[in-house]
Amino acid sequence: MNGKVFLCNTGANLVCGKANTSRTSGGAEDFCKQNPGSDVVPMAATGHDTVYEWKCVGNKAVISKQAETVDPRGFITENWQQLD
């Protein structure tokens, strides 16, 4: 990005790969079928690369909010730091 170097430190569930911006989640759908009405769908079900927080409305998965921003290259902005 503009000729600058950015670094991502893997670990602690940080995703250095491309962000998942899909507005559907098979993992969340499966979770909601087994846990209808849950206020939160865990990242173990959605994957740590999703930019959304999910909840169950009945047995359907819905996005509750966008939790991460995505940079122009498609990566989660907060996981990348510019090298000084």
C-alpha atoms as a PDB file:
ATOM      1  CA  MET A   1       0.000   0.000   0.000  1.00  0.00           C
ATOM      2  CA  ASN A   2       1.705   3.078  -1.334  1.00  0.00           C
ATOM      3  CA  GLY A   3       5.070   1.284  -1.337  1.00  0.00           C
ATOM      4  CA  LYS A   4       5.069   0.778   2.436  1.00  0.00           C
ATOM      5  CA  VAL A   5       5.726  -2.509   4.215  1.00  0.00           C
ATOM      6  CA  PHE A   6       2.997  -3.965   6.434  1.00  0.00           C
ATOM      7  CA  LEU A   7       3.398  -6.887   8.824  1.00  0.00           C
ATOM      8  CA  CYS A   8       0.929  -9.294  10.361  1.00  0.00           C
ATOM      9  CA  ASN A   9       1.802 -11.252  13.491  1.00  0.00           C
ATOM     10  CA  THR A  10       0.073 -14.627  13.412  1.00  0.00           C
ATOM     11  CA  GLY A  11      -1.214 -16.230  16.574  1.00  0.00           C
ATOM     12  CA  ALA A  12      -3.904 -15.582  19.162  1.00  0.00           C
ATOM     13  CA  ASN A  13      -6.519 -16.169  16.441  1.00  0.00           C
ATOM     14  CA  LEU A  14      -5.257 -13.311  14.265  1.00  0.00           C
ATOM     15  CA  VAL A  15      -5.866 -13.932  10.589  1.00  0.00           C
ATOM     16  CA  CYS A  16      -3.185 -12.781   8.172  1.00  0.00           C
ATOM     17  CA  GLY A  17      -4.962 -14.147   5.102  1.00  0.00           C
ATOM     18  CA  LYS A  18      -7.773 -12.506   3.162  1.00  0.00           C
ATOM     19  CA  ALA A  19     -10.855 -11.490   5.109  1.00  0.00           C
ATOM     20  CA  ASN A  20     -14.085 -13.412   4.674  1.00  0.00           C
ATOM     21  CA  THR A  21     -16.659 -10.785   3.694  1.00  0.00           C
ATOM     22  CA  SER A  22     -19.376 -13.254   2.731  1.00  0.00           C
ATOM     23  CA  ARG A  23     -22.772 -12.312   4.112  1.00  0.00           C
ATOM     24  CA  THR A  24     -23.600 -16.012   4.531  1.00  0.00           C
ATOM     25  CA  SER A  25     -21.908 -18.550   6.785  1.00  0.00           C
ATOM     26  CA  GLY A  26     -22.471 -22.270   6.544  1.00  0.00           C
ATOM     27  CA  GLY A  27     -20.850 -22.725   9.940  1.00  0.00           C
ATOM     28  CA  ALA A  28     -23.148 -20.149  11.525  1.00  0.00           C
ATOM     29  CA  GLU A  29     -26.186 -21.734   9.858  1.00  0.00           C
ATOM     30  CA  ASP A  30     -25.238 -25.151  11.253  1.00  0.00           C
ATOM     31  CA  PHE A  31     -24.647 -23.659  14.713  1.00  0.00           C
ATOM     32  CA  CYS A  32     -28.039 -21.921  14.700  1.00  0.00           C
ATOM     33  CA  LYS A  33     -29.855 -25.107  13.722  1.00  0.00           C
ATOM     34  CA  GLN A  34     -28.396 -26.727  16.848  1.00  0.00           C
ATOM     35  CA  ASN A  35     -28.639 -23.611  19.077  1.00  0.00           C
ATOM     36  CA  PRO A  36     -31.708 -21.626  17.977  1.00  0.00           C
ATOM     37  CA  GLY A  37     -32.034 -18.159  19.481  1.00  0.00           C
ATOM     38  CA  SER A  38     -28.380 -17.897  20.521  1.00  0.00           C
ATOM     39  CA  ASP A  39     -27.265 -14.281  20.986  1.00  0.00           C
ATOM     40  CA  VAL A  40     -23.777 -15.097  19.683  1.00  0.00           C
ATOM     41  CA  VAL A  41     -22.361 -17.531  17.147  1.00  0.00           C
ATOM     42  CA  PRO A  42     -18.789 -18.415  18.193  1.00  0.00           C
ATOM     43  CA  MET A  43     -15.891 -17.940  15.810  1.00  0.00           C
ATOM     44  CA  ALA A  44     -15.259 -21.661  16.113  1.00  0.00           C
ATOM     45  CA  ALA A  45     -18.383 -21.980  13.955  1.00  0.00           C
ATOM     46  CA  THR A  46     -17.941 -18.980  11.632  1.00  0.00           C
ATOM     47  CA  GLY A  47     -14.169 -19.027  11.237  1.00  0.00           C
ATOM     48  CA  HIS A  48     -11.806 -16.366  12.528  1.00  0.00           C
ATOM     49  CA  ASP A  49     -11.537 -14.727   9.108  1.00  0.00           C
ATOM     50  CA  THR A  50     -15.105 -13.380   9.056  1.00  0.00           C
ATOM     51  CA  VAL A  51     -15.527  -9.624   9.397  1.00  0.00           C
ATOM     52  CA  TYR A  52     -18.986 -10.028  10.946  1.00  0.00           C
ATOM     53  CA  GLU A  53     -20.426 -10.943  14.310  1.00  0.00           C
ATOM     54  CA  TRP A  54     -23.303 -13.395  13.982  1.00  0.00           C
ATOM     55  CA  LYS A  55     -26.344 -14.347  16.051  1.00  0.00           C
ATOM     56  CA  CYS A  56     -29.234 -16.760  15.677  1.00  0.00           C
ATOM     57  CA  VAL A  57     -32.751 -15.538  15.055  1.00  0.00           C
ATOM     58  CA  GLY A  58     -34.672 -18.712  15.601  1.00  0.00           C
ATOM     59  CA  ASN A  59     -32.642 -21.291  13.703  1.00  0.00           C
ATOM     60  CA  LYS A  60     -31.332 -18.807  11.096  1.00  0.00           C
ATOM     61  CA  ALA A  61     -27.915 -17.135  11.216  1.00  0.00           C
ATOM     62  CA  VAL A  62     -27.965 -13.354  10.801  1.00  0.00           C
ATOM     63  CA  ILE A  63     -25.251 -10.727  10.940  1.00  0.00           C
ATOM     64  CA  SER A  64     -25.490  -8.698  14.126  1.00  0.00           C
ATOM     65  CA  LYS A  65     -22.773  -6.197  13.138  1.00  0.00           C
ATOM     66  CA  GLN A  66     -19.608  -5.707  11.135  1.00  0.00           C
ATOM     67  CA  ALA A  67     -16.767  -6.126  13.618  1.00  0.00           C
ATOM     68  CA  GLU A  68     -13.710  -5.649  11.373  1.00  0.00           C
ATOM     69  CA  THR A  69     -12.703  -3.300   8.580  1.00  0.00           C
ATOM     70  CA  VAL A  70     -11.072  -4.499   5.386  1.00  0.00           C
ATOM     71  CA  ASP A  71      -8.179  -2.762   3.634  1.00  0.00           C
ATOM     72  CA  PRO A  72      -8.120  -2.159  -0.143  1.00  0.00           C
ATOM     73  CA  ARG A  73      -6.295  -5.481  -0.652  1.00  0.00           C
ATOM     74  CA  GLY A  74      -9.000  -7.449   1.184  1.00  0.00           C
ATOM     75  CA  PHE A  75      -7.248  -8.080   4.508  1.00  0.00           C
ATOM     76  CA  ILE A  76      -8.501  -7.300   8.034  1.00  0.00           C
ATOM     77  CA  THR A  77      -7.083  -3.830   8.683  1.00  0.00           C
ATOM     78  CA  GLU A  78      -6.567  -4.226  12.427  1.00  0.00           C
ATOM     79  CA  ASN A  79      -4.299  -7.267  11.967  1.00  0.00           C
ATOM     80  CA  TRP A  80      -1.703  -5.423   9.865  1.00  0.00           C
ATOM     81  CA  GLN A  81       0.756  -2.805  11.124  1.00  0.00           C
ATOM     82  CA  GLN A  82       2.979  -0.558   9.045  1.00  0.00           C
ATOM     83  CA  LEU A  83       6.703  -1.164   9.472  1.00  0.00           C
ATOM     84  CA  ASP A  84       8.372   2.095  10.497  1.00  0.00           C
END
